[in-house]
Amino acid sequence: MNPLEHPFEATTLVDLLHYRAIYQPNVLAYTFLADGETEEVDLTYEELDRKARAIAVCLQSICPPGERALLIYPPGIDYIVAFFGCLYAGVIAVPAYPPRPNRSATRLQTMIVDARPKVGLTVRSVLASLERQKDRAPELKSLRWLATDNLNDKLAIDWQHPNLSGDTLAFLQYTSGSTAEPKGVAIAHQNLLHNLSWIYRRFEHTPNSKGVIWLPLYHDMGLIGGVLQPLYGGFPTVLMSPLMFLQSPIRWLQAISRYRATTSGGPNFAYNLVSRKVTPDQLVNLDLSSWGVAFNGAETISYEIIERFSTLLEPCGFRREAFYPCYGMAEATLFISGGQKTAPIAYKKLKAKAIEKHRVLPASDGEVNFRIVVGCGQSLPDQKAIVVNPETMTRCAHNEVGEIWVSGASIARGYWNRPEETERTFCAYLADTGEGPFLRTGDLGFIEDGELFITGRLKDTIVINGRNYYPQDIEWTVEQSHSLIRPNCSASFSVEMEGEERLVILAEVERSYRKRRLEADSSPESPTDASKALIQAIRKAVLQQYDLQVYDVLLLKPGALPKTSSGKIQRHLCRTHYLAGTLEVL
């Protein structure tokens, strides 16, 4: 079989990389843009294989197979090498990210306590920083630390191939913790290879494909979509730090244009950020005609943002048909549903008040209170997705919104060392037929003509006066109410006041607003007219759109809103901080 024409049918990721290192040793696998623009660091398959074997030799000398290794790396090639080093040693990788100086390390501490890793892998610069943080995070002291950027590649010759199979755990993907503390999803090699095969087919990848990825490599979309999928398909990918993208979103588009990428994407907020921050002048000389798959997933997909993004970039050769809405989650390895690459995006214009009652009713052309939901394609052919009433545990009718349940070969083993939560989430059965087991996704939606539509998150649903409201809808309205509200930086939730549920909204404001207010305010304790106008705009927009009174609005400085490591709003934590009065309010 020609490795340049077909993905290698491997049993494990170790077999896959070793195969490519033998038959495609000098083929470029990854390029990292250290500055987000032109400063390149390259890695071939042979170099990756050799460096991974060197790390594996060190791990095999101190860790028996099945032990865990915590990976704490800045974005870059070193992280990729360390991840494969763990696989080559038969050690379970636990991807994390370096805690920020003077910031809480609670998430990292929780992961260490839960996964109980024996060793920590990092680079020398991060190791020095971690040493200074051990007093604040004593869990770091329990690990044996290894700086992998200081290893001699000659160690690779002593590598012993571990005893691996498709059932062997590859890594623990810790969930974002948007509704609870992070949990380690136990993902085996066969889960990954099954999922990668379907991403390859649904995206219509070939060895001539090329990726550009800025997503965090410790997150499932960045790791599986940006590192493992290119390895599976045998095509190169260009990586950059998420910070480089966030600082200047045009860098993402410039990289796609420069390297003629065919596949790239991210969550909905990334397209929104480009739409808001990139100017037409910056688009001069960009050519995005090569971009064939602009995948969009990980959070609710907005029809308005798809239209805005497409209109902005059409002069550069971007085709709105390239948009690829999809749906997935860590518990299902990554990819749950997606359409054919050439299929048009499915939209449904629905009555907003009907959705609040978990009903699916089309809105008429003249209807004012409506919501457009975007289809996320079809379930994988050898998996099953159904819509279930979470209270009766029976299937919903075709015009009802319910919880999405999924079964199939991509579904992970469960949560690491959490049998009760694994039973509750991964072992659901229909009450009337006994069919199962299914993974309960916790997401709400419906299926029509095979197309999956996601409408919200079960645990985040706001219930006021007997009506259901999806917080992401309210937050979208808030962000559209005024140009000074930062995109993807608002939260809505309910609190009980005098026996009734009341709506609270938190919203980060742009830095320009803070500067303007500081210049205008002689007394920080007295809100300016600008503050009042901003709060009034939010209240008015929510009232008009949802006929809903806002109990309280708090304006926050940039970066003050609690988010997960992947950028999702932690609404439950927002609510906790609000009730405790610990938010950094302007």
Protein backbone atom coordinates (compact mmCIF):
# COMPACT_ATOMS: atom_id res chain seq x y z
CA MET A 1 0.00 0.00 0.00
CA ASN A 2 1.29 3.44 -0.92
CA PRO A 3 1.36 5.54 2.29
CA LEU A 4 0.89 8.68 0.21
CA GLU A 5 -2.49 7.50 -1.09
CA HIS A 6 -4.28 5.90 1.88
CA PRO A 7 -4.24 6.24 5.67
CA PHE A 8 -2.36 3.35 7.26
CA GLU A 9 -4.70 0.87 8.98
CA ALA A 10 -2.99 0.94 12.38
CA THR A 11 -4.00 -0.60 15.70
CA THR A 12 -2.39 2.16 17.78
CA LEU A 13 -1.06 5.67 17.23
CA VAL A 14 2.43 4.33 17.95
CA ASP A 15 2.16 1.95 14.97
CA LEU A 16 0.87 4.82 12.84
CA LEU A 17 3.71 7.25 13.60
CA HIS A 18 6.38 4.54 13.41
CA TYR A 19 5.02 3.54 10.01
CA ARG A 20 5.22 7.09 8.70
CA ALA A 21 8.73 7.52 10.11
CA ILE A 22 9.85 4.45 8.14
CA TYR A 23 8.10 5.13 4.84
CA GLN A 24 7.94 8.94 4.88
CA PRO A 25 10.93 9.93 7.05
CA ASN A 26 11.64 13.31 5.49
CA VAL A 27 8.05 14.40 4.95
CA LEU A 28 7.20 17.54 6.92
CA ALA A 29 4.67 16.78 9.66
CA TYR A 30 4.33 20.01 11.69
CA THR A 31 5.40 23.62 11.38
CA PHE A 32 5.05 25.90 14.40
CA LEU A 33 4.92 29.67 13.94
CA ALA A 34 6.64 30.88 17.09
CA ASP A 35 5.60 34.49 16.52
CA GLY A 36 2.32 33.61 14.86
CA GLU A 37 3.63 34.85 11.53
CA THR A 38 6.98 33.88 10.00
CA GLU A 39 9.34 32.39 12.61
CA GLU A 40 9.13 28.68 11.81
CA VAL A 41 10.10 25.52 13.70
CA ASP A 42 9.67 22.36 11.59
CA LEU A 43 9.41 18.67 12.45
CA THR A 44 9.47 15.67 10.09
CA TYR A 45 7.99 12.25 10.84
CA GLU A 46 11.45 10.77 11.38
CA GLU A 47 12.44 13.55 13.78
CA LEU A 48 9.21 13.19 15.73
CA ASP A 49 9.62 9.42 15.96
CA ARG A 50 13.24 9.70 17.14
CA LYS A 51 12.56 12.40 19.73
CA ALA A 52 9.49 10.54 21.01
CA ARG A 53 11.53 7.34 21.42
CA ALA A 54 14.17 9.26 23.41
CA ILE A 55 11.53 10.56 25.83
CA ALA A 56 9.97 7.10 26.01
CA VAL A 57 13.31 5.58 27.09
CA CYS A 58 13.47 8.01 30.02
CA LEU A 59 9.85 7.31 30.97
CA GLN A 60 10.25 3.55 30.71
CA SER A 61 13.13 3.75 33.20
CA ILE A 62 10.95 5.38 35.88
CA CYS A 63 7.32 4.54 35.00
CA PRO A 64 5.71 1.16 34.47
CA PRO A 65 3.13 1.01 31.64
CA GLY A 66 -0.22 2.47 32.60
CA GLU A 67 1.20 5.17 34.86
CA ARG A 68 0.19 8.76 34.14
CA ALA A 69 2.43 11.62 33.03
CA LEU A 70 1.34 15.24 33.38
CA LEU A 71 2.21 17.36 30.33
CA ILE A 72 2.68 21.08 31.05
CA TYR A 73 3.97 22.84 27.96
CA PRO A 74 3.60 26.18 26.24
CA PRO A 75 2.24 25.90 22.68
CA GLY A 76 4.81 24.40 20.34
CA ILE A 77 6.63 21.38 18.98
CA ASP A 78 7.89 20.24 22.41
CA TYR A 79 4.34 19.43 23.50
CA ILE A 80 3.73 17.21 20.45
CA VAL A 81 6.99 15.34 21.00
CA ALA A 82 6.20 14.76 24.69
CA PHE A 83 2.69 13.51 23.92
CA PHE A 84 4.04 10.87 21.54
CA GLY A 85 6.86 10.12 23.98
CA CYS A 86 4.19 9.06 26.48
CA LEU A 87 2.45 6.88 23.90
CA TYR A 88 5.77 5.26 22.93
CA ALA A 89 6.36 4.42 26.60
CA GLY A 90 2.89 3.01 27.21
CA VAL A 91 2.35 5.82 29.71
CA ILE A 92 -1.01 7.61 29.83
CA ALA A 93 -0.58 11.28 28.88
CA VAL A 94 -2.44 13.94 30.87
CA PRO A 95 -2.35 17.18 28.83
CA ALA A 96 -2.51 20.41 30.83
CA TYR A 97 -1.32 23.97 30.40
CA PRO A 98 1.10 26.07 32.44
CA PRO A 99 -0.62 28.01 35.24
CA ARG A 100 -0.36 31.75 34.77
CA PRO A 101 1.80 33.71 37.21
CA ASN A 102 -0.19 35.16 40.09
CA ARG A 103 -3.27 33.20 38.98
CA SER A 104 -5.05 30.34 40.70
CA ALA A 105 -3.74 26.86 39.90
CA THR A 106 -6.92 25.18 41.16
CA ARG A 107 -7.66 23.38 37.89
CA LEU A 108 -4.13 21.97 37.69
CA GLN A 109 -4.24 20.92 41.34
CA THR A 110 -7.57 19.15 40.76
CA MET A 111 -6.10 17.27 37.80
CA ILE A 112 -3.07 16.12 39.77
CA VAL A 113 -5.19 14.88 42.68
CA ASP A 114 -7.55 13.08 40.29
CA ALA A 115 -5.09 11.53 37.81
CA ARG A 116 -2.29 10.88 40.34
CA PRO A 117 0.49 11.19 37.77
CA LYS A 118 3.90 9.84 38.70
CA VAL A 119 5.94 12.19 36.51
CA GLY A 120 5.59 15.69 35.09
CA LEU A 121 6.97 16.56 31.65
CA THR A 122 7.75 20.11 30.61
CA VAL A 123 10.53 22.37 29.26
CA ARG A 124 13.25 24.05 31.29
CA SER A 125 11.71 27.52 31.21
CA VAL A 126 8.34 26.30 32.51
CA LEU A 127 10.00 24.06 35.09
CA ALA A 128 11.71 27.09 36.61
CA SER A 129 8.34 28.85 36.82
CA LEU A 130 6.69 25.81 38.40
CA GLU A 131 9.38 25.70 41.07
CA ARG A 132 8.32 29.17 42.16
CA GLN A 133 4.66 28.10 42.37
CA LYS A 134 5.07 24.95 44.46
CA ASP A 135 4.23 26.76 47.69
CA ARG A 136 0.87 27.86 46.22
CA ALA A 137 0.25 24.47 44.60
CA PRO A 138 1.87 21.82 46.83
CA GLU A 139 0.53 19.06 44.57
CA LEU A 140 3.33 19.95 42.14
CA LYS A 141 5.84 18.65 44.69
CA SER A 142 4.48 15.10 44.46
CA LEU A 143 5.70 14.66 40.87
CA ARG A 144 9.09 13.71 39.51
CA TRP A 145 9.87 16.34 36.90
CA LEU A 146 11.60 15.87 33.55
CA ALA A 147 12.57 18.68 31.16
CA THR A 148 12.30 17.07 27.72
CA ASP A 149 13.97 19.88 25.78
CA ASN A 150 17.28 18.84 27.36
CA LEU A 151 17.33 15.20 26.26
CA ASN A 152 19.84 13.58 23.91
CA ASP A 153 18.12 12.08 20.86
CA LYS A 154 20.70 9.25 20.91
CA LEU A 155 18.69 7.70 23.74
CA ALA A 156 16.15 6.65 21.10
CA ILE A 157 18.24 3.61 20.15
CA ASP A 158 17.39 1.95 23.49
CA TRP A 159 13.62 2.19 23.01
CA GLN A 160 11.58 -0.93 23.68
CA HIS A 161 8.22 -1.16 21.94
CA PRO A 162 5.57 -1.37 24.71
CA ASN A 163 2.89 -4.02 24.74
CA LEU A 164 -0.02 -2.01 23.34
CA SER A 165 -3.40 -2.79 21.80
CA GLY A 166 -6.39 -0.84 20.62
CA ASP A 167 -7.85 -1.13 24.14
CA THR A 168 -4.82 0.55 25.75
CA LEU A 169 -5.53 3.98 27.17
CA ALA A 170 -3.70 6.70 25.24
CA PHE A 171 -4.47 9.78 27.33
CA LEU A 172 -6.84 11.46 29.76
CA GLN A 173 -8.64 14.43 28.22
CA TYR A 174 -9.81 16.61 31.07
CA THR A 175 -13.15 18.22 30.38
CA SER A 176 -13.47 21.97 30.32
CA GLY A 177 -15.36 22.09 33.59
CA SER A 178 -18.04 24.47 32.30
CA THR A 179 -20.69 22.95 34.57
CA ALA A 180 -18.58 21.13 37.20
CA GLU A 181 -15.01 20.43 38.18
CA PRO A 182 -12.92 18.92 35.35
CA LYS A 183 -13.04 15.15 34.90
CA GLY A 184 -10.53 12.98 33.04
CA VAL A 185 -12.08 11.27 30.03
CA ALA A 186 -10.26 7.96 29.46
CA ILE A 187 -9.60 7.65 25.72
CA ALA A 188 -8.13 4.48 24.18
CA HIS A 189 -6.17 4.12 20.94
CA GLN A 190 -9.13 2.45 19.20
CA ASN A 191 -11.43 5.36 20.16
CA LEU A 192 -8.99 7.78 18.56
CA LEU A 193 -8.42 5.78 15.38
CA HIS A 194 -12.15 5.27 14.87
CA ASN A 195 -12.83 8.98 15.29
CA LEU A 196 -9.88 10.02 13.14
CA SER A 197 -11.05 7.76 10.31
CA TRP A 198 -14.43 9.48 10.23
CA ILE A 199 -13.00 12.99 10.44
CA TYR A 200 -10.77 12.04 7.49
CA ARG A 201 -13.74 10.82 5.45
CA ARG A 202 -16.23 13.55 6.37
CA PHE A 203 -13.71 16.35 5.78
CA GLU A 204 -12.65 14.57 2.55
CA HIS A 205 -9.01 14.85 3.50
CA THR A 206 -6.22 13.54 1.25
CA PRO A 207 -2.42 13.51 1.53
CA ASN A 208 -2.58 16.80 -0.39
CA SER A 209 -4.59 18.49 2.37
CA LYS A 210 -2.95 21.08 4.60
CA GLY A 211 -4.03 22.41 7.96
CA VAL A 212 -3.59 25.63 9.91
CA ILE A 213 -4.44 25.34 13.62
CA TRP A 214 -4.24 27.92 16.42
CA LEU A 215 -6.36 25.91 18.90
CA PRO A 216 -4.81 24.91 22.27
CA LEU A 217 -3.05 21.55 21.97
CA TYR A 218 -4.11 20.53 25.48
CA HIS A 219 -7.74 20.73 24.34
CA ASP A 220 -9.40 17.90 22.40
CA MET A 221 -10.14 19.92 19.26
CA GLY A 222 -6.57 21.20 19.06
CA LEU A 223 -4.92 17.86 19.87
CA ILE A 224 -7.10 15.51 17.83
CA GLY A 225 -8.03 17.91 15.03
CA GLY A 226 -4.71 19.75 14.79
CA VAL A 227 -2.12 17.08 15.62
CA LEU A 228 -3.55 13.56 15.32
CA GLN A 229 -5.77 14.05 12.25
CA PRO A 230 -2.86 15.33 10.10
CA LEU A 231 -0.78 12.35 11.27
CA TYR A 232 -3.63 9.99 10.39
CA GLY A 233 -4.01 11.52 6.95
CA GLY A 234 -0.31 11.98 6.29
CA PHE A 235 -0.58 15.67 5.49
CA PRO A 236 1.27 18.66 7.02
CA THR A 237 -0.17 21.23 9.37
CA VAL A 238 0.93 24.68 10.51
CA LEU A 239 0.42 25.53 14.18
CA MET A 240 0.45 28.76 16.12
CA SER A 241 -0.16 29.80 19.71
CA PRO A 242 -3.76 30.64 20.65
CA LEU A 243 -2.41 33.84 22.20
CA MET A 244 -0.97 34.93 18.86
CA PHE A 245 -4.41 34.52 17.31
CA LEU A 246 -6.25 36.29 20.12
CA GLN A 247 -3.81 39.21 20.06
CA SER A 248 -4.19 39.63 16.31
CA PRO A 249 -6.87 37.50 14.59
CA ILE A 250 -5.58 38.50 11.14
CA ARG A 251 -2.61 36.17 11.74
CA TRP A 252 -4.92 33.19 11.37
CA LEU A 253 -6.09 34.32 7.95
CA GLN A 254 -2.58 35.29 6.87
CA ALA A 255 -1.30 31.80 7.70
CA ILE A 256 -4.13 30.17 5.73
CA SER A 257 -3.33 32.39 2.77
CA ARG A 258 0.47 31.97 2.97
CA TYR A 259 0.51 28.19 3.38
CA ARG A 260 -2.51 27.53 1.12
CA ALA A 261 -4.34 25.66 3.87
CA THR A 262 -7.33 23.53 2.96
CA THR A 263 -8.60 22.87 6.51
CA SER A 264 -8.84 25.19 9.49
CA GLY A 265 -11.42 26.26 12.02
CA GLY A 266 -12.43 26.70 15.63
CA PRO A 267 -15.32 27.56 17.91
CA ASN A 268 -17.98 30.09 17.00
CA PHE A 269 -16.26 32.85 19.01
CA ALA A 270 -13.19 32.71 16.71
CA TYR A 271 -15.25 33.62 13.64
CA ASN A 272 -16.99 36.31 15.67
CA LEU A 273 -13.63 37.73 16.78
CA VAL A 274 -12.41 37.94 13.19
CA SER A 275 -15.66 39.60 12.13
CA ARG A 276 -15.30 42.25 14.82
CA LYS A 277 -11.56 42.87 14.83
CA VAL A 278 -10.31 42.37 11.27
CA THR A 279 -10.70 45.39 8.97
CA PRO A 280 -11.08 45.34 5.17
CA ASP A 281 -7.69 47.07 4.86
CA GLN A 282 -6.01 44.08 6.55
CA LEU A 283 -7.48 41.72 3.97
CA VAL A 284 -5.69 43.26 1.00
CA ASN A 285 -3.53 40.68 -0.82
CA LEU A 286 -5.00 37.72 1.12
CA ASP A 287 -6.07 34.69 -0.90
CA LEU A 288 -8.37 32.31 0.99
CA SER A 289 -9.57 30.35 -2.04
CA SER A 290 -7.73 27.21 -0.89
CA TRP A 291 -9.79 27.03 2.35
CA GLY A 292 -12.15 24.14 1.69
CA VAL A 293 -13.19 23.14 5.24
CA ALA A 294 -13.85 25.89 7.81
CA PHE A 295 -14.98 23.67 10.66
CA ASN A 296 -17.09 25.26 13.38
CA GLY A 297 -17.82 23.42 16.62
CA ALA A 298 -17.29 23.20 20.42
CA GLU A 299 -20.02 25.75 21.16
CA THR A 300 -23.36 26.92 19.80
CA ILE A 301 -23.03 27.91 16.14
CA SER A 302 -24.47 31.27 15.12
CA TYR A 303 -26.14 31.79 11.75
CA GLU A 304 -25.52 35.54 12.03
CA ILE A 305 -21.78 35.09 12.55
CA ILE A 306 -21.51 32.68 9.61
CA GLU A 307 -23.14 35.30 7.40
CA ARG A 308 -21.05 38.17 8.76
CA PHE A 309 -17.78 36.25 8.46
CA SER A 310 -18.58 35.08 4.92
CA THR A 311 -19.53 38.58 3.75
CA LEU A 312 -16.31 40.04 5.16
CA LEU A 313 -14.02 37.45 3.56
CA GLU A 314 -15.71 36.78 0.22
CA PRO A 315 -13.52 39.43 -1.50
CA CYS A 316 -10.50 37.28 -0.48
CA GLY A 317 -11.84 34.18 -2.19
CA PHE A 318 -13.49 32.61 0.87
CA ARG A 319 -16.60 30.61 -0.01
CA ARG A 320 -19.39 30.37 2.55
CA GLU A 321 -19.91 26.79 1.34
CA ALA A 322 -16.59 26.02 3.08
CA PHE A 323 -18.26 26.44 6.48
CA TYR A 324 -18.54 23.03 8.12
CA PRO A 325 -20.72 23.02 11.26
CA CYS A 326 -20.09 19.95 13.40
CA TYR A 327 -20.76 18.66 16.88
CA GLY A 328 -18.61 16.74 19.31
CA MET A 329 -17.27 16.45 22.83
CA ALA A 330 -14.40 14.93 24.78
CA GLU A 331 -16.54 12.03 26.05
CA ALA A 332 -17.04 10.93 22.44
CA THR A 333 -13.30 11.34 21.67
CA LEU A 334 -14.20 14.41 19.58
CA PHE A 335 -16.38 14.11 16.47
CA ILE A 336 -20.06 13.09 16.85
CA SER A 337 -21.75 14.55 13.80
CA GLY A 338 -20.94 16.40 10.59
CA GLY A 339 -22.25 16.51 7.05
CA GLN A 340 -20.71 15.84 3.68
CA LYS A 341 -18.11 18.44 2.79
CA THR A 342 -20.05 19.65 -0.25
CA ALA A 343 -23.50 19.60 1.39
CA PRO A 344 -25.11 23.00 2.05
CA ILE A 345 -25.52 24.12 5.65
CA ALA A 346 -28.92 23.25 7.12
CA TYR A 347 -30.83 26.08 8.85
CA LYS A 348 -34.12 26.10 10.73
CA LYS A 349 -36.05 29.26 11.53
CA LEU A 350 -38.09 28.40 14.61
CA LYS A 351 -40.53 30.05 16.99
CA ALA A 352 -38.45 31.23 19.96
CA LYS A 353 -41.25 30.78 22.49
CA ALA A 354 -41.80 27.20 21.29
CA ILE A 355 -38.15 26.35 21.89
CA GLU A 356 -38.52 27.71 25.41
CA LYS A 357 -41.15 24.99 25.88
CA HIS A 358 -38.88 22.37 24.25
CA ARG A 359 -41.00 22.30 21.10
CA VAL A 360 -39.87 22.59 17.47
CA LEU A 361 -42.22 24.81 15.46
CA PRO A 362 -41.25 26.67 12.25
CA ALA A 363 -41.54 30.46 12.37
CA SER A 364 -43.51 32.29 9.70
CA ASP A 365 -41.84 34.87 7.43
CA GLY A 366 -43.35 37.81 9.27
CA GLU A 367 -42.67 36.50 12.77
CA VAL A 368 -40.55 38.78 14.97
CA ASN A 369 -39.67 36.46 17.85
CA PHE A 370 -37.75 33.68 16.13
CA ARG A 371 -34.46 31.84 16.36
CA ILE A 372 -32.33 30.41 13.58
CA VAL A 373 -30.58 27.17 14.52
CA VAL A 374 -27.75 25.69 12.47
CA GLY A 375 -27.57 22.00 11.63
CA CYS A 376 -24.47 20.05 12.72
CA GLY A 377 -24.68 17.30 10.10
CA GLN A 378 -25.51 13.65 10.62
CA SER A 379 -24.33 11.13 13.17
CA LEU A 380 -21.48 8.85 12.11
CA PRO A 381 -22.93 5.90 10.12
CA ASP A 382 -21.67 3.27 12.57
CA GLN A 383 -22.75 5.23 15.63
CA LYS A 384 -26.20 6.17 16.91
CA ALA A 385 -27.59 9.50 18.11
CA ILE A 386 -31.08 9.83 19.59
CA VAL A 387 -33.08 12.57 21.34
CA VAL A 388 -34.41 11.68 24.79
CA ASN A 389 -36.68 13.31 27.33
CA PRO A 390 -34.29 13.66 30.31
CA GLU A 391 -37.11 13.27 32.80
CA THR A 392 -38.94 10.23 31.40
CA MET A 393 -35.83 8.70 29.78
CA THR A 394 -37.85 7.85 26.68
CA ARG A 395 -37.40 9.01 23.10
CA CYS A 396 -38.79 12.41 22.15
CA ALA A 397 -41.27 12.91 19.35
CA HIS A 398 -39.86 14.37 16.12
CA ASN A 399 -41.00 17.91 17.03
CA GLU A 400 -39.62 17.92 20.57
CA VAL A 401 -36.33 19.18 22.00
CA GLY A 402 -34.55 16.72 24.30
CA GLU A 403 -31.14 15.55 25.45
CA ILE A 404 -28.78 14.09 22.85
CA TRP A 405 -27.69 10.52 23.61
CA VAL A 406 -24.93 8.80 21.60
CA SER A 407 -23.48 5.29 21.31
CA GLY A 408 -20.68 3.85 19.16
CA ALA A 409 -16.99 2.99 18.87
CA SER A 410 -15.76 6.55 19.47
CA ILE A 411 -17.36 6.77 22.91
CA ALA A 412 -14.65 6.85 25.59
CA ARG A 413 -14.28 4.36 28.45
CA GLY A 414 -15.63 6.76 31.04
CA TYR A 415 -14.20 9.16 33.60
CA TRP A 416 -10.91 8.25 35.19
CA ASN A 417 -11.39 6.84 38.69
CA ARG A 418 -15.02 8.06 38.91
CA PRO A 419 -17.25 4.98 38.67
CA GLU A 420 -20.46 6.67 39.84
CA GLU A 421 -20.17 9.56 37.39
CA THR A 422 -19.18 7.14 34.64
CA GLU A 423 -22.28 5.06 35.34
CA ARG A 424 -24.49 8.15 35.30
CA THR A 425 -23.07 9.65 32.08
CA PHE A 426 -21.85 6.73 29.95
CA CYS A 427 -24.34 4.00 30.88
CA ALA A 428 -27.81 5.41 30.12
CA TYR A 429 -30.65 3.13 29.00
CA LEU A 430 -34.07 3.99 27.57
CA ALA A 431 -36.70 3.40 30.24
CA ASP A 432 -39.29 1.80 27.96
CA THR A 433 -37.18 -0.39 25.64
CA GLY A 434 -34.03 -0.95 27.69
CA GLU A 435 -31.90 0.02 24.69
CA GLY A 436 -28.38 1.13 25.57
CA PRO A 437 -25.89 1.90 26.87
CA PHE A 438 -25.72 5.49 25.65
CA LEU A 439 -23.56 8.47 26.48
CA ARG A 440 -25.66 11.31 27.91
CA THR A 441 -24.16 14.43 26.33
CA GLY A 442 -25.99 16.96 28.50
CA ASP A 443 -26.76 18.93 25.33
CA LEU A 444 -30.27 19.76 24.15
CA GLY A 445 -31.40 19.50 20.56
CA PHE A 446 -33.49 17.68 17.99
CA ILE A 447 -33.01 15.60 14.85
CA GLU A 448 -34.90 16.29 11.65
CA ASP A 449 -34.37 14.27 8.47
CA GLY A 450 -31.18 12.90 9.99
CA GLU A 451 -29.75 16.38 10.67
CA LEU A 452 -28.73 17.13 14.26
CA PHE A 453 -29.58 20.58 15.66
CA ILE A 454 -28.20 21.69 19.03
CA THR A 455 -30.29 24.23 20.94
CA GLY A 456 -28.55 24.52 24.30
CA ARG A 457 -27.04 22.93 27.37
CA LEU A 458 -29.28 20.98 29.74
CA LYS A 459 -27.58 22.04 32.98
CA ASP A 460 -27.36 25.71 32.00
CA THR A 461 -31.03 26.17 31.08
CA ILE A 462 -32.61 29.16 32.87
CA VAL A 463 -36.19 28.68 34.07
CA ILE A 464 -38.09 31.86 34.98
CA ASN A 465 -41.86 32.07 35.36
CA GLY A 466 -42.18 28.53 34.03
CA ARG A 467 -40.38 29.31 30.77
CA ASN A 468 -37.05 27.90 29.60
CA TYR A 469 -34.34 30.24 28.34
CA TYR A 470 -31.03 29.26 26.83
CA PRO A 471 -28.24 31.40 28.31
CA GLN A 472 -26.24 31.49 25.09
CA ASP A 473 -29.21 33.15 23.35
CA ILE A 474 -29.43 35.84 26.02
CA GLU A 475 -25.66 36.33 25.94
CA TRP A 476 -25.73 36.77 22.17
CA THR A 477 -28.38 39.47 22.58
CA VAL A 478 -26.28 41.16 25.26
CA GLU A 479 -23.20 41.21 23.04
CA GLN A 480 -25.17 42.69 20.15
CA SER A 481 -26.71 45.39 22.34
CA HIS A 482 -23.61 47.60 22.42
CA SER A 483 -20.26 47.71 20.62
CA LEU A 484 -18.39 48.04 23.93
CA ILE A 485 -19.43 44.55 25.11
CA ARG A 486 -16.59 42.10 24.42
CA PRO A 487 -17.45 39.10 22.19
CA ASN A 488 -17.89 35.77 23.97
CA CYS A 489 -17.48 37.59 27.28
CA SER A 490 -20.93 37.70 28.86
CA ALA A 491 -22.75 35.31 31.17
CA SER A 492 -26.40 34.92 32.10
CA PHE A 493 -27.87 32.84 34.92
CA SER A 494 -30.66 32.94 37.45
CA VAL A 495 -30.61 33.47 41.20
CA GLU A 496 -33.42 33.04 43.70
CA MET A 497 -34.53 36.32 45.24
CA GLU A 498 -37.54 36.47 47.59
CA GLY A 499 -38.73 33.09 46.40
CA GLU A 500 -38.50 33.87 42.68
CA GLU A 501 -35.87 33.15 40.03
CA ARG A 502 -34.34 36.37 38.71
CA LEU A 503 -32.05 36.97 35.73
CA VAL A 504 -28.49 38.23 36.28
CA ILE A 505 -26.14 39.31 33.50
CA LEU A 506 -22.39 39.76 33.66
CA ALA A 507 -20.61 41.48 30.78
CA GLU A 508 -16.97 42.32 30.16
CA VAL A 509 -16.39 45.68 28.50
CA GLU A 510 -13.71 46.68 26.03
CA ARG A 511 -10.52 48.25 27.38
CA SER A 512 -11.37 51.48 25.58
CA TYR A 513 -14.45 51.84 27.79
CA ARG A 514 -12.44 51.48 30.97
CA LYS A 515 -9.96 54.10 29.79
CA ARG A 516 -12.77 56.48 28.87
CA ARG A 517 -14.44 55.99 32.23
CA LEU A 518 -11.25 56.48 34.24
CA GLU A 519 -10.63 59.74 32.41
CA ALA A 520 -14.19 60.93 33.00
CA ASP A 521 -14.82 59.76 36.56
CA SER A 522 -13.73 61.88 39.43
CA SER A 523 -15.27 59.33 41.80
CA PRO A 524 -14.97 55.61 40.87
CA GLU A 525 -17.87 54.80 43.19
CA SER A 526 -20.32 56.81 41.10
CA PRO A 527 -21.15 55.30 37.69
CA THR A 528 -20.83 57.63 34.73
CA ASP A 529 -23.58 58.33 32.26
CA ALA A 530 -21.77 55.92 29.94
CA SER A 531 -22.13 53.12 32.49
CA LYS A 532 -25.82 53.81 32.90
CA ALA A 533 -26.32 53.91 29.14
CA LEU A 534 -24.52 50.61 28.67
CA ILE A 535 -26.55 48.87 31.38
CA GLN A 536 -29.75 50.37 29.99
CA ALA A 537 -28.91 49.10 26.49
CA ILE A 538 -28.47 45.57 27.85
CA ARG A 539 -31.72 45.67 29.81
CA LYS A 540 -33.65 47.06 26.85
CA ALA A 541 -32.31 44.47 24.39
CA VAL A 542 -33.14 41.52 26.68
CA LEU A 543 -36.61 42.90 27.44
CA GLN A 544 -37.43 43.44 23.76
CA GLN A 545 -36.12 40.05 22.64
CA TYR A 546 -37.38 37.83 25.47
CA ASP A 547 -39.98 39.88 27.34
CA LEU A 548 -37.76 39.29 30.34
CA GLN A 549 -36.82 41.72 33.10
CA VAL A 550 -33.15 41.74 34.11
CA TYR A 551 -32.66 41.73 37.87
CA ASP A 552 -29.02 42.83 37.87
CA VAL A 553 -26.31 43.77 35.37
CA LEU A 554 -22.64 43.88 36.35
CA LEU A 555 -19.95 45.32 34.09
CA LEU A 556 -16.59 43.58 34.42
CA LYS A 557 -13.09 44.43 33.32
CA PRO A 558 -11.52 42.32 30.52
CA GLY A 559 -10.51 38.86 31.69
CA ALA A 560 -12.64 38.92 34.85
CA LEU A 561 -15.31 36.48 33.66
CA PRO A 562 -14.66 32.88 34.79
CA LYS A 563 -13.92 30.66 31.78
CA THR A 564 -12.67 27.15 31.17
CA SER A 565 -9.27 26.40 29.69
CA SER A 566 -10.92 26.19 26.26
CA GLY A 567 -12.66 29.56 26.57
CA LYS A 568 -16.17 28.41 27.55
CA ILE A 569 -18.14 30.50 30.03
CA GLN A 570 -18.32 28.84 33.47
CA ARG A 571 -21.85 29.99 34.28
CA HIS A 572 -22.13 28.01 37.50
CA LEU A 573 -18.88 29.51 38.78
CA CYS A 574 -20.08 32.95 37.65
CA ARG A 575 -23.19 32.45 39.75
CA THR A 576 -21.12 31.33 42.75
CA HIS A 577 -18.86 34.39 42.53
CA TYR A 578 -21.87 36.67 42.07
CA LEU A 579 -23.58 35.40 45.21
CA ALA A 580 -20.31 35.62 47.14
CA GLY A 581 -19.64 39.15 45.89
CA THR A 582 -16.17 38.22 44.64
CA LEU A 583 -16.42 39.42 41.02
CA GLU A 584 -14.09 42.19 39.82
CA VAL A 585 -16.78 44.72 39.02
CA LEU A 586 -15.98 48.05 37.39
